[in-house]
Amino acid sequence: IFGDLREPWIFGNRWKWEGGLTGMYQKAERVSFSLRKESIVASITRKLLERSTVSLQYELSREQVFDVAPGAILSREDQGYATVGAVRVLGVLDFRDDPFNPKKGTLLSGSAELATLPLGSEVDYYKLSGQTSFYFTVFRRSTIVASGRAGVAHPYGSTSEVPIQKRFFLGGRTTVRGFEEEELGAKSPDGTPTGGDMMLNLNVEMRFPLRYRFFGALFTDAGSVWFYRDPVNGFDLRETAGLGLRYVTPVGPIALDYAWKLDRREGESAAEWHFTIGAVF
């Protein structure tokens, strides 16, 4: 649930800045925890090109983490209430021919976030992430997409671990499709996903026409989530491959994917099905 107020004339039209104030209530059930969040976000955004922007945001939120799996609790910040005050810089450079069904071009995005006591926060951390996607047209109507994401988060000050709701999780329909949602990466001794403060995700997909608005897809995904304090044993790149069916609409594809693990381990499923509305990347 959210409400949004926009002012397109902030700083005067010459500077092309837009101001925004957003209030939001969110309740989410994740694999290892549940989250209830109330927040206010103040932002200013500048349009650089037709679909390229840079934004500066300040978010103040009251967050409750509950129903946390015991194995995922790494510090006192992983359960209960916390006030989080953070400043965030976001950038998007979109040079694709179509934002909903791209066939060629490049998409670059990145974010930097800092939470600290002077901003009204009870937890201290910083978080950096970025994504690059390249689109190539081949054989006239087929498209190859190569995408990469990476991120790092780190606590400081009185905070001993990055809070669980701020960590990275991988696995599922938009990241590594051979795994269930958020099931890839670091786990506790009882097998509970803990997320991590480091993340790498790589995807390559070929989309080719079938009939009418239907397209087929062949893809391979890889990814790892780990903790900075354990770089040797933590980094564990998992690989999956699969095929899918796409029905293309004017506002993006409807997709059904089947992906299997190329390095399946004991106790893991062989493969997973995923249904997605909208572009994966």
Protein backbone atom coordinates (compact mmCIF):
# COMPACT_ATOMS: atom_id res chain seq x y z
CA ILE A 1 0.00 0.00 0.00
CA PHE A 2 1.48 3.37 -0.92
CA GLY A 3 0.63 7.00 -1.62
CA ASP A 4 2.66 9.25 -3.89
CA LEU A 5 2.96 13.03 -4.34
CA ARG A 6 5.00 14.50 -7.22
CA GLU A 7 6.16 18.06 -7.98
CA PRO A 8 7.65 18.38 -11.50
CA TRP A 9 8.87 21.98 -11.07
CA ILE A 10 11.27 21.67 -8.13
CA PHE A 11 14.35 23.96 -8.51
CA GLY A 12 12.71 25.46 -11.61
CA ASN A 13 12.17 23.85 -14.99
CA ARG A 14 15.66 24.76 -16.15
CA TRP A 15 17.23 22.06 -13.97
CA LYS A 16 14.66 19.37 -14.92
CA TRP A 17 14.34 18.08 -11.34
CA GLU A 18 11.20 16.39 -10.03
CA GLY A 19 10.46 16.13 -6.33
CA GLY A 20 8.50 13.32 -4.73
CA LEU A 21 7.13 12.28 -1.34
CA THR A 22 5.95 8.68 -0.93
CA GLY A 23 4.35 6.96 2.05
CA MET A 24 4.29 3.17 2.08
CA TYR A 25 3.07 0.24 4.16
CA GLN A 26 4.52 -3.16 3.29
CA LYS A 27 4.05 -6.65 4.67
CA ALA A 28 6.08 -9.44 3.12
CA GLU A 29 6.62 -13.11 3.86
CA ARG A 30 10.10 -14.20 2.81
CA VAL A 31 11.67 -17.65 2.95
CA SER A 32 13.59 -17.06 6.19
CA PHE A 33 11.60 -14.23 7.80
CA SER A 34 8.59 -11.93 7.60
CA LEU A 35 8.72 -8.15 7.40
CA ARG A 36 6.33 -5.37 8.29
CA LYS A 37 7.48 -1.92 7.18
CA GLU A 38 6.09 1.61 7.35
CA SER A 39 8.14 4.23 5.53
CA ILE A 40 8.29 7.73 4.11
CA VAL A 41 10.57 8.45 1.14
CA ALA A 42 11.51 11.96 0.02
CA SER A 43 13.20 12.09 -3.38
CA ILE A 44 14.46 14.35 -6.13
CA THR A 45 14.91 12.95 -9.63
CA ARG A 46 16.53 14.38 -12.72
CA LYS A 47 15.78 13.07 -16.20
CA LEU A 48 19.04 12.82 -18.15
CA LEU A 49 17.76 11.31 -21.39
CA GLU A 50 14.43 9.92 -22.58
CA ARG A 51 14.61 6.88 -20.27
CA SER A 52 17.67 7.70 -18.15
CA THR A 53 17.45 9.21 -14.68
CA VAL A 54 19.41 9.93 -11.52
CA SER A 55 17.69 10.15 -8.12
CA LEU A 56 18.56 11.11 -4.57
CA GLN A 57 16.32 9.67 -1.84
CA TYR A 58 15.98 9.85 1.92
CA GLU A 59 13.95 7.06 3.52
CA LEU A 60 12.82 6.86 7.13
CA SER A 61 11.16 3.58 8.05
CA ARG A 62 9.94 1.63 11.04
CA GLU A 63 10.60 -2.05 10.36
CA GLN A 64 9.53 -5.16 12.24
CA VAL A 65 11.22 -8.46 11.44
CA PHE A 66 9.36 -11.48 12.81
CA ASP A 67 8.85 -15.22 12.25
CA VAL A 68 12.59 -15.49 11.65
CA ALA A 69 13.90 -19.01 11.12
CA PRO A 70 16.24 -19.73 14.08
CA GLY A 71 19.15 -20.61 11.84
CA ALA A 72 18.95 -17.27 10.02
CA ILE A 73 19.43 -15.15 13.17
CA LEU A 74 23.00 -13.84 13.17
CA SER A 75 22.64 -10.84 15.51
CA ARG A 76 20.11 -8.90 17.57
CA GLU A 77 19.27 -6.78 14.49
CA ASP A 78 17.68 -9.84 12.83
CA GLN A 79 14.46 -9.74 14.84
CA GLY A 80 12.17 -7.20 16.45
CA TYR A 81 11.70 -3.52 15.67
CA ALA A 82 14.20 -1.05 14.23
CA THR A 83 14.08 2.47 12.87
CA VAL A 84 16.11 2.80 9.68
CA GLY A 85 17.14 6.18 8.26
CA ALA A 86 19.01 5.95 4.98
CA VAL A 87 20.09 8.13 2.08
CA ARG A 88 20.18 6.51 -1.35
CA VAL A 89 21.49 7.43 -4.80
CA LEU A 90 19.98 5.64 -7.81
CA GLY A 91 20.98 5.84 -11.46
CA VAL A 92 19.49 4.29 -14.61
CA LEU A 93 20.88 4.56 -18.16
CA ASP A 94 18.47 2.93 -20.59
CA PHE A 95 19.56 2.70 -24.23
CA ARG A 96 17.24 -0.15 -25.26
CA ASP A 97 14.98 0.04 -28.29
CA ASP A 98 11.91 -0.97 -26.23
CA PRO A 99 11.66 -0.93 -22.40
CA PHE A 100 9.04 -3.73 -22.34
CA ASN A 101 10.29 -6.11 -25.07
CA PRO A 102 13.87 -5.07 -25.88
CA LYS A 103 15.72 -6.57 -28.84
CA LYS A 104 18.87 -4.48 -28.85
CA GLY A 105 20.63 -1.93 -26.69
CA THR A 106 22.06 -1.60 -23.20
CA LEU A 107 20.61 -1.09 -19.72
CA LEU A 108 22.80 0.10 -16.84
CA SER A 109 21.60 0.67 -13.28
CA GLY A 110 23.16 1.14 -9.88
CA SER A 111 22.44 2.20 -6.33
CA ALA A 112 24.37 3.29 -3.25
CA GLU A 113 22.72 3.37 0.19
CA LEU A 114 23.95 4.58 3.58
CA ALA A 115 22.14 4.15 6.91
CA THR A 116 23.61 5.91 9.92
CA LEU A 117 22.69 7.46 13.28
CA PRO A 118 22.78 11.11 12.07
CA LEU A 119 20.08 10.16 9.54
CA GLY A 120 17.83 8.82 12.31
CA SER A 121 18.84 5.17 12.00
CA GLU A 122 19.25 2.61 14.78
CA VAL A 123 21.38 0.40 12.49
CA ASP A 124 24.51 1.36 10.56
CA TYR A 125 25.34 -0.14 7.17
CA TYR A 126 26.15 0.72 3.58
CA LYS A 127 25.00 -1.14 0.50
CA LEU A 128 26.15 -0.95 -3.13
CA SER A 129 24.67 -2.78 -6.11
CA GLY A 130 24.68 -2.56 -9.89
CA GLN A 131 23.38 -4.33 -12.97
CA THR A 132 24.35 -4.31 -16.65
CA SER A 133 22.31 -5.93 -19.43
CA PHE A 134 23.21 -6.16 -23.13
CA TYR A 135 20.71 -7.04 -25.89
CA PHE A 136 21.72 -8.26 -29.35
CA THR A 137 19.53 -9.11 -32.34
CA VAL A 138 20.64 -12.26 -34.17
CA PHE A 139 19.13 -14.24 -37.05
CA ARG A 140 16.83 -11.27 -37.78
CA ARG A 141 14.18 -11.94 -35.11
CA SER A 142 16.05 -13.68 -32.30
CA THR A 143 17.58 -11.88 -29.32
CA ILE A 144 20.49 -12.74 -27.06
CA VAL A 145 20.55 -11.12 -23.61
CA ALA A 146 23.61 -11.09 -21.35
CA SER A 147 23.10 -9.67 -17.87
CA GLY A 148 25.22 -9.34 -14.75
CA ARG A 149 24.46 -8.10 -11.21
CA ALA A 150 26.73 -7.62 -8.23
CA GLY A 151 26.34 -6.18 -4.77
CA VAL A 152 28.05 -5.64 -1.45
CA ALA A 153 26.68 -4.61 1.95
CA HIS A 154 28.65 -3.97 5.12
CA PRO A 155 27.83 -3.05 8.73
CA TYR A 156 29.80 -0.56 10.75
CA GLY A 157 29.67 1.33 14.03
CA SER A 158 27.57 -0.45 16.66
CA THR A 159 25.97 -2.81 14.11
CA SER A 160 27.68 -6.21 14.01
CA GLU A 161 25.84 -7.77 11.03
CA VAL A 162 23.86 -6.42 8.10
CA PRO A 163 20.19 -6.86 9.16
CA ILE A 164 18.54 -9.82 7.45
CA GLN A 165 16.05 -7.66 5.53
CA LYS A 166 18.96 -5.72 3.99
CA ARG A 167 21.01 -8.75 2.91
CA PHE A 168 21.15 -10.22 -0.58
CA PHE A 169 19.20 -13.37 -1.48
CA LEU A 170 19.30 -15.27 -4.79
CA GLY A 171 17.32 -18.06 -6.40
CA GLY A 172 14.03 -17.98 -8.23
CA ARG A 173 12.31 -16.67 -11.32
CA THR A 174 14.33 -13.46 -11.76
CA THR A 175 17.82 -14.56 -10.67
CA VAL A 176 18.89 -18.23 -10.79
CA ARG A 177 15.94 -20.21 -12.09
CA GLY A 178 17.14 -23.70 -11.19
CA PHE A 179 16.45 -22.88 -7.52
CA GLU A 180 13.35 -22.00 -5.53
CA GLU A 181 12.89 -18.41 -4.41
CA GLU A 182 15.80 -17.24 -2.21
CA GLU A 183 17.11 -20.80 -1.71
CA LEU A 184 20.58 -20.30 -3.22
CA GLY A 185 23.66 -19.38 -1.27
CA ALA A 186 24.73 -19.22 2.34
CA LYS A 187 22.80 -21.45 4.75
CA SER A 188 22.86 -22.16 8.46
CA PRO A 189 23.75 -25.65 9.76
CA ASP A 190 20.05 -26.57 9.70
CA GLY A 191 19.76 -25.59 6.02
CA THR A 192 18.00 -22.24 6.46
CA PRO A 193 18.97 -19.58 3.87
CA THR A 194 20.70 -16.72 5.67
CA GLY A 195 21.34 -14.45 2.71
CA GLY A 196 24.70 -12.73 2.52
CA ASP A 197 26.49 -9.41 2.29
CA MET A 198 28.09 -10.21 -1.10
CA MET A 199 26.26 -11.20 -4.28
CA LEU A 200 27.02 -12.10 -7.90
CA ASN A 201 24.41 -13.09 -10.50
CA LEU A 202 25.02 -13.85 -14.21
CA ASN A 203 22.41 -14.63 -16.88
CA VAL A 204 22.53 -15.41 -20.60
CA GLU A 205 19.31 -16.01 -22.55
CA MET A 206 18.42 -16.52 -26.21
CA ARG A 207 14.85 -15.69 -27.26
CA PHE A 208 13.55 -16.88 -30.63
CA PRO A 209 10.17 -16.59 -32.40
CA LEU A 210 7.71 -19.49 -32.61
CA ARG A 211 4.22 -18.50 -33.85
CA TYR A 212 2.03 -15.45 -33.40
CA ARG A 213 3.17 -13.75 -30.18
CA PHE A 214 4.86 -16.84 -28.75
CA PHE A 215 8.63 -17.00 -28.29
CA GLY A 216 10.89 -19.76 -27.01
CA ALA A 217 13.90 -19.26 -24.73
CA LEU A 218 17.10 -21.10 -23.89
CA PHE A 219 19.06 -19.81 -20.92
CA THR A 220 21.76 -20.38 -18.38
CA ASP A 221 21.95 -18.70 -14.96
CA ALA A 222 24.69 -18.60 -12.36
CA GLY A 223 24.95 -16.97 -8.98
CA SER A 224 26.41 -16.88 -5.51
CA VAL A 225 25.56 -15.20 -2.20
CA TRP A 226 28.14 -15.25 0.56
CA PHE A 227 29.58 -13.34 3.52
CA TYR A 228 32.60 -11.07 3.23
CA ARG A 229 34.14 -12.59 6.35
CA ASP A 230 34.29 -16.02 4.64
CA PRO A 231 35.62 -15.34 1.10
CA VAL A 232 37.25 -18.75 0.58
CA ASN A 233 34.45 -21.07 1.67
CA GLY A 234 31.68 -18.54 1.08
CA PHE A 235 31.94 -17.92 -2.66
CA ASP A 236 30.18 -20.84 -4.33
CA LEU A 237 29.00 -20.12 -7.87
CA ARG A 238 26.01 -22.34 -8.70
CA GLU A 239 25.02 -22.97 -12.30
CA THR A 240 21.66 -23.82 -13.86
CA ALA A 241 20.24 -24.06 -17.38
CA GLY A 242 16.77 -24.27 -18.83
CA LEU A 243 14.20 -23.50 -21.45
CA GLY A 244 11.07 -21.41 -21.47
CA LEU A 245 8.00 -20.18 -23.30
CA ARG A 246 7.12 -16.49 -23.68
CA TYR A 247 3.86 -14.84 -24.72
CA VAL A 248 4.69 -11.26 -25.66
CA THR A 249 2.22 -8.47 -24.77
CA PRO A 250 2.60 -4.70 -25.33
CA VAL A 251 3.59 -4.25 -21.67
CA GLY A 252 5.99 -7.17 -21.36
CA PRO A 253 6.12 -10.97 -21.62
CA ILE A 254 4.28 -13.66 -19.71
CA ALA A 255 6.81 -16.45 -19.15
CA LEU A 256 6.94 -20.08 -18.08
CA ASP A 257 10.43 -21.45 -17.39
CA TYR A 258 11.84 -24.85 -16.49
CA ALA A 259 15.43 -24.89 -15.20
CA TRP A 260 17.63 -27.63 -13.81
CA LYS A 261 20.76 -27.56 -11.69
CA LEU A 262 23.99 -28.33 -13.53
CA ASP A 263 25.78 -29.08 -10.25
CA ARG A 264 23.02 -30.72 -8.22
CA ARG A 265 23.96 -31.71 -4.68
CA GLU A 266 22.61 -34.19 -2.18
CA GLY A 267 19.20 -33.25 -0.86
CA GLU A 268 18.49 -30.72 -3.62
CA SER A 269 15.70 -30.90 -6.17
CA ALA A 270 16.72 -31.61 -9.76
CA ALA A 271 14.85 -28.68 -11.31
CA GLU A 272 12.24 -25.96 -10.77
CA TRP A 273 9.30 -24.43 -12.64
CA HIS A 274 8.77 -20.65 -12.60
CA PHE A 275 5.92 -18.46 -13.85
CA THR A 276 6.67 -14.77 -14.40
CA ILE A 277 4.70 -11.73 -15.54
CA GLY A 278 6.97 -9.00 -16.90
CA ALA A 279 10.56 -8.99 -18.09
CA VAL A 280 13.07 -11.03 -16.11
CA PHE A 281 15.91 -8.72 -17.21
